[in-house]
Each structure stands twice: as structure tokens, then as C-alpha cells.
């Protein structure tokens, strides 16, 4: 059964593709990953599938909230504003992989930290050590599901938006898949630790300061992705 969140994503994707809005690049990948995650929940591939579903929906909320703020010209997380602005840029050619990784950076290195914190903070004190470890193992299991999706990302997304992808693959020896896999592993490892740091903050001031640092770090990575080194510059953020 198709979930409402997938329908919401697909409606945006269809509309953006009709007008050539390159925000569809990341969202198409995100929708694919989300559907595969929901499928994995149905197949009992997690210790606590219901918790994973809650996380998926809270995670998606952060994306849609950032998008709505951007569309309404309201205060938007800087890392998302940077990614959305890049999708609309016409003066500088940006490769499809850069568009994709800009979105991955914003959504994982920024949104996921706070989505995890939102759920874990409510329950952490009541979880046993075993339950805490199971939460972490479910977090790692997501990596495996994402890895299984990478080939489809290559075939259905990157190739669609980049007619010269065959040439890129020849030159970079399919480096796009290696880059995405490496980024996912590295960034998601950091995200779990950072979410736990957020929960250790004893005051709102401490949390605000850490949140600002998290966004600054994500924005710095985004700027490196679009830096002077171009597509090769993506390697600088691994």
C-alpha cells in the first residue's frame, strides 16, 4: 500500500518535472529510499518497525517544513536554502550528483539529527541498554537498505537527469555510487553521535549553540560540494 507521505512526494516530483525544477532530483531519490524503508518495515527487517516508521515520518516532516518555509519566503535552515537556491540557479552548471548530494547533506547531516533527537529524547531514560542498542542497530540497518537502492538511483535518477552520465561513468569508474555509499556511511555514523550530544544538552542555550554548529557544519559541506573543484570537490566532504 502506498503511504500518504509517498503520495505527497510524488505530487511534488511530478509538478517539478513538468517545469524543469531540479529539486525533483533529490526528492525522487528520497521518495525511492522512503518507499524501500517502508517495505523493509513490512518485511520485519527491524527490531522495532513501528519506531522506524515514526522516525521516517518525523524525518519527512523536517523536509516538508523546510520546503514550505522556503516557498513562503520565510526563515529557512541555511543549508536547505542553499540547496534549494542551487536547484534554481541558471548561471552556473551543476551536475546531477551535486544536486543529489546537496539534498542528502541537508537532510541527513541536519534534519536527521533532530528527527532522531525528537524521538529518542522522549524515551531514552526508560530504555534498557539492550533497547538502546536495538535503536542503534535499526539506525544501521537503514544503511543497508539505502545501499540496496543505490543502483536504482544510478539507473533511474542520475541517468535521467544527466544524458552524459555514460561519459562520467567511464571517467570516474562509477565513482558516483562509491561516493554516495561512502557519504551515507560516514555521515550517518556522525549523525547518531550528534543526536546523542543534543540529548546531553542541559539547557536550551546549550542546545541552540549546538544546533547552530550543526547547521554551520552542514552549510560548509554544501559549499564544498559546489566549490571550485566542481564534481571532484564532492570528495572533499567525505
Protein backbone atom coordinates (compact mmCIF):
# COMPACT_ATOMS: atom_id res chain seq x y z
CA UNK A 1 0.00 0.00 0.00
CA UNK A 2 1.32 3.45 -0.94
CA UNK A 3 1.73 5.69 2.09
CA UNK A 4 0.42 9.30 2.11
CA UNK A 5 3.97 10.59 2.53
CA UNK A 6 4.96 8.89 -0.73
CA UNK A 7 1.94 10.38 -2.49
CA UNK A 8 2.90 13.81 -1.20
CA UNK A 9 6.44 13.40 -2.50
CA UNK A 10 5.29 12.09 -5.87
CA UNK A 11 2.90 15.00 -6.39
CA UNK A 12 5.79 17.42 -5.89
CA UNK A 13 8.09 15.39 -8.14
CA UNK A 14 5.55 15.29 -10.97
CA UNK A 15 4.94 19.03 -10.75
CA UNK A 16 8.62 19.89 -10.59
CA UNK A 17 9.49 17.63 -13.53
CA UNK A 18 6.89 19.39 -15.65
CA UNK A 19 8.58 22.76 -15.14
CA UNK A 20 12.17 21.55 -15.02
CA UNK A 21 12.63 22.28 -11.32
CA UNK A 22 15.76 20.37 -10.32
CA UNK A 23 14.60 19.99 -6.74
CA UNK A 24 12.98 16.85 -8.18
CA UNK A 25 16.41 15.20 -8.32
CA UNK A 26 16.86 14.81 -4.59
CA UNK A 27 13.17 14.26 -3.85
CA UNK A 28 12.94 11.44 -6.40
CA UNK A 29 15.82 9.71 -4.64
CA UNK A 30 14.32 10.43 -1.23
CA UNK A 31 10.94 9.03 -2.25
CA UNK A 32 12.59 5.87 -3.54
CA UNK A 33 14.54 5.42 -0.32
CA UNK A 34 11.45 6.08 1.80
CA UNK A 35 9.37 3.52 -0.08
CA UNK A 36 12.11 0.92 0.34
CA UNK A 37 12.27 1.70 4.03
CA UNK A 38 8.53 1.23 4.41
CA UNK A 39 8.78 -2.03 2.50
CA UNK A 40 11.52 -3.18 4.90
CA UNK A 41 9.30 -2.36 7.86
CA UNK A 42 6.55 -4.52 6.38
CA UNK A 43 9.08 -7.36 5.98
CA UNK A 44 10.06 -7.15 9.66
CA UNK A 45 13.66 -6.17 8.91
CA UNK A 46 13.96 -4.01 12.04
CA UNK A 47 13.91 -4.70 15.76
CA UNK A 48 11.11 -2.15 16.16
CA UNK A 49 9.36 -1.40 12.90
CA UNK A 50 6.82 0.95 14.46
CA UNK A 51 9.59 3.10 15.89
CA UNK A 52 11.29 3.20 12.49
CA UNK A 53 8.02 4.32 10.86
CA UNK A 54 7.67 7.11 13.40
CA UNK A 55 11.21 8.20 12.64
CA UNK A 56 10.56 8.09 8.89
CA UNK A 57 7.57 10.39 9.23
CA UNK A 58 9.27 12.79 11.63
CA UNK A 59 12.24 12.86 9.28
CA UNK A 60 9.97 13.71 6.36
CA UNK A 61 8.31 16.46 8.41
CA UNK A 62 11.62 18.30 8.60
CA UNK A 63 11.97 18.22 4.81
CA UNK A 64 8.44 19.44 4.16
CA UNK A 65 8.70 22.13 6.83
CA UNK A 66 11.91 23.46 5.26
CA UNK A 67 10.32 23.35 1.81
CA UNK A 68 7.19 25.20 2.96
CA UNK A 69 9.27 27.87 4.68
CA UNK A 70 11.32 28.33 1.51
CA UNK A 71 8.23 28.54 -0.70
CA UNK A 72 6.67 31.12 1.64
CA UNK A 73 9.92 33.15 1.77
CA UNK A 74 10.09 32.54 5.50
CA UNK A 75 13.08 31.70 7.66
CA UNK A 76 14.56 28.50 6.21
CA UNK A 77 17.51 26.46 7.53
CA UNK A 78 20.51 27.89 5.68
CA UNK A 79 21.66 24.51 4.44
CA UNK A 80 18.25 23.90 2.82
CA UNK A 81 18.08 27.41 1.38
CA UNK A 82 21.49 26.81 -0.18
CA UNK A 83 20.33 23.52 -1.74
CA UNK A 84 17.02 24.92 -2.99
CA UNK A 85 18.69 28.03 -4.42
CA UNK A 86 21.23 25.83 -6.22
CA UNK A 87 18.39 23.88 -7.85
CA UNK A 88 17.11 27.14 -9.34
CA UNK A 89 20.50 28.53 -10.39
CA UNK A 90 20.88 29.03 -14.13
CA UNK A 91 24.19 30.90 -14.31
CA UNK A 92 26.42 28.01 -13.20
CA UNK A 93 26.03 24.42 -14.48
CA UNK A 94 25.67 21.98 -11.59
CA UNK A 95 25.99 18.24 -12.07
CA UNK A 96 23.12 15.99 -11.08
CA UNK A 97 25.31 14.28 -8.46
CA UNK A 98 25.98 17.63 -6.82
CA UNK A 99 22.24 18.37 -6.68
CA UNK A 100 21.64 14.95 -5.17
CA UNK A 101 24.36 15.21 -2.55
CA UNK A 102 23.33 18.74 -1.57
CA UNK A 103 19.96 17.31 -0.60
CA UNK A 104 21.48 14.29 1.12
CA UNK A 105 23.75 16.58 3.14
CA UNK A 106 20.90 18.83 4.28
CA UNK A 107 18.52 16.01 5.07
CA UNK A 108 20.92 13.62 6.79
CA UNK A 109 23.50 15.89 8.41
CA UNK A 110 20.91 18.42 9.58
CA UNK A 111 17.35 17.07 9.60
CA UNK A 112 18.12 13.54 10.73
CA UNK A 113 20.00 14.73 13.80
CA UNK A 114 16.90 16.48 15.10
CA UNK A 115 14.43 13.83 13.97
CA UNK A 116 16.41 11.26 15.96
CA UNK A 117 16.66 13.58 18.93
CA UNK A 118 12.90 14.21 18.89
CA UNK A 119 12.14 10.51 19.22
CA UNK A 120 15.00 9.40 21.44
CA UNK A 121 14.67 12.21 23.97
CA UNK A 122 11.14 11.08 24.85
CA UNK A 123 12.17 7.54 25.64
CA UNK A 124 15.92 7.31 26.26
CA UNK A 125 15.75 7.37 30.06
CA UNK A 126 13.28 4.48 30.09
CA UNK A 127 15.13 2.24 27.61
CA UNK A 128 17.28 -0.63 28.79
CA UNK A 129 20.86 -0.90 27.46
CA UNK A 130 19.63 -3.65 25.13
CA UNK A 131 16.80 -1.49 23.80
CA UNK A 132 19.20 1.41 23.23
CA UNK A 133 21.47 -0.90 21.26
CA UNK A 134 18.50 -2.08 19.21
CA UNK A 135 17.66 1.51 18.34
CA UNK A 136 21.22 1.94 17.10
CA UNK A 137 21.11 -1.32 15.16
CA UNK A 138 17.90 -0.19 13.46
CA UNK A 139 19.70 3.05 12.57
CA UNK A 140 22.49 1.00 10.97
CA UNK A 141 20.02 -1.27 9.16
CA UNK A 142 18.81 1.78 7.26
CA UNK A 143 22.28 1.98 5.69
CA UNK A 144 21.88 -1.49 4.24
CA UNK A 145 18.53 -0.63 2.70
CA UNK A 146 19.95 2.56 1.22
CA UNK A 147 22.89 0.63 -0.26
CA UNK A 148 20.45 -1.69 -2.00
CA UNK A 149 18.80 1.34 -3.58
CA UNK A 150 21.95 2.93 -5.00
CA UNK A 151 21.88 1.04 -8.31
CA UNK A 152 18.32 2.23 -8.90
CA UNK A 153 19.38 5.78 -8.06
CA UNK A 154 22.04 5.47 -10.75
CA UNK A 155 19.74 3.95 -13.35
CA UNK A 156 16.53 5.87 -12.72
CA UNK A 157 17.65 9.25 -11.40
CA UNK A 158 21.22 10.15 -12.27
CA UNK A 159 20.98 8.82 -15.83
CA UNK A 160 17.60 10.53 -16.34
CA UNK A 161 18.90 13.98 -15.44
CA UNK A 162 22.37 13.60 -16.96
CA UNK A 163 22.50 12.43 -20.62
CA UNK A 164 26.30 12.40 -20.47
CA UNK A 165 26.35 10.06 -17.49
CA UNK A 166 27.90 7.31 -19.59
CA UNK A 167 30.94 9.52 -20.14
CA UNK A 168 31.07 10.41 -16.45
CA UNK A 169 30.97 6.71 -15.52
CA UNK A 170 33.83 5.98 -17.90
CA UNK A 171 36.00 8.71 -16.44
CA UNK A 172 35.13 8.16 -12.79
CA UNK A 173 34.71 4.36 -12.90
CA UNK A 174 31.19 4.66 -11.49
CA UNK A 175 32.54 6.86 -8.71
CA UNK A 176 29.05 8.24 -8.18
CA UNK A 177 27.94 5.02 -6.47
CA UNK A 178 31.11 4.86 -4.37
CA UNK A 179 30.70 8.50 -3.35
CA UNK A 180 27.07 8.08 -2.31
CA UNK A 181 27.77 4.89 -0.37
CA UNK A 182 30.79 6.42 1.38
CA UNK A 183 28.89 9.57 2.28
CA UNK A 184 25.94 7.69 3.68
CA UNK A 185 28.12 5.52 5.91
CA UNK A 186 30.26 8.37 7.20
CA UNK A 187 27.51 10.93 7.69
CA UNK A 188 25.02 8.58 9.33
CA UNK A 189 27.67 7.43 11.81
CA UNK A 190 28.22 11.04 12.77
CA UNK A 191 24.51 11.78 12.96
CA UNK A 192 23.82 9.20 15.67
CA UNK A 193 26.61 10.57 17.85
CA UNK A 194 25.47 14.14 17.29
CA UNK A 195 21.87 13.29 18.20
CA UNK A 196 23.10 11.86 21.48
CA UNK A 197 25.09 15.05 22.07
CA UNK A 198 21.90 17.05 21.60
CA UNK A 199 20.17 14.98 24.26
CA UNK A 200 23.02 15.65 26.67
CA UNK A 201 22.43 19.42 26.50
CA UNK A 202 21.11 20.55 29.87
CA UNK A 203 19.84 23.98 28.81
CA UNK A 204 18.11 25.47 25.81
CA UNK A 205 21.10 27.75 25.32
CA UNK A 206 23.42 24.75 25.00
CA UNK A 207 21.06 23.08 22.53
CA UNK A 208 20.73 26.26 20.47
CA UNK A 209 24.50 26.65 20.28
CA UNK A 210 24.95 23.03 19.21
CA UNK A 211 22.15 23.35 16.66
CA UNK A 212 23.84 26.40 15.15
CA UNK A 213 27.11 24.48 14.92
CA UNK A 214 25.40 21.53 13.25
CA UNK A 215 23.89 23.82 10.63
CA UNK A 216 27.17 25.68 10.11
CA UNK A 217 28.98 22.38 9.51
CA UNK A 218 26.30 21.21 7.06
CA UNK A 219 26.42 24.52 5.21
CA UNK A 220 30.22 24.31 4.97
CA UNK A 221 29.90 20.87 3.39
CA UNK A 222 27.31 22.20 0.94
CA UNK A 223 29.62 24.99 -0.11
CA UNK A 224 32.42 22.47 -0.66
CA UNK A 225 30.11 20.41 -2.86
CA UNK A 226 29.62 23.43 -5.14
CA UNK A 227 33.17 24.72 -4.73
CA UNK A 228 35.77 25.46 -7.39
CA UNK A 229 36.75 21.79 -7.68
CA UNK A 230 33.31 21.01 -9.09
CA UNK A 231 32.26 17.35 -9.11
CA UNK A 232 35.65 16.27 -7.74
CA UNK A 233 35.03 18.64 -4.83
CA UNK A 234 32.40 16.25 -3.56
CA UNK A 235 35.28 14.09 -2.35
CA UNK A 236 36.37 16.92 -0.07
CA UNK A 237 33.33 16.41 2.18
CA UNK A 238 33.82 12.69 2.81
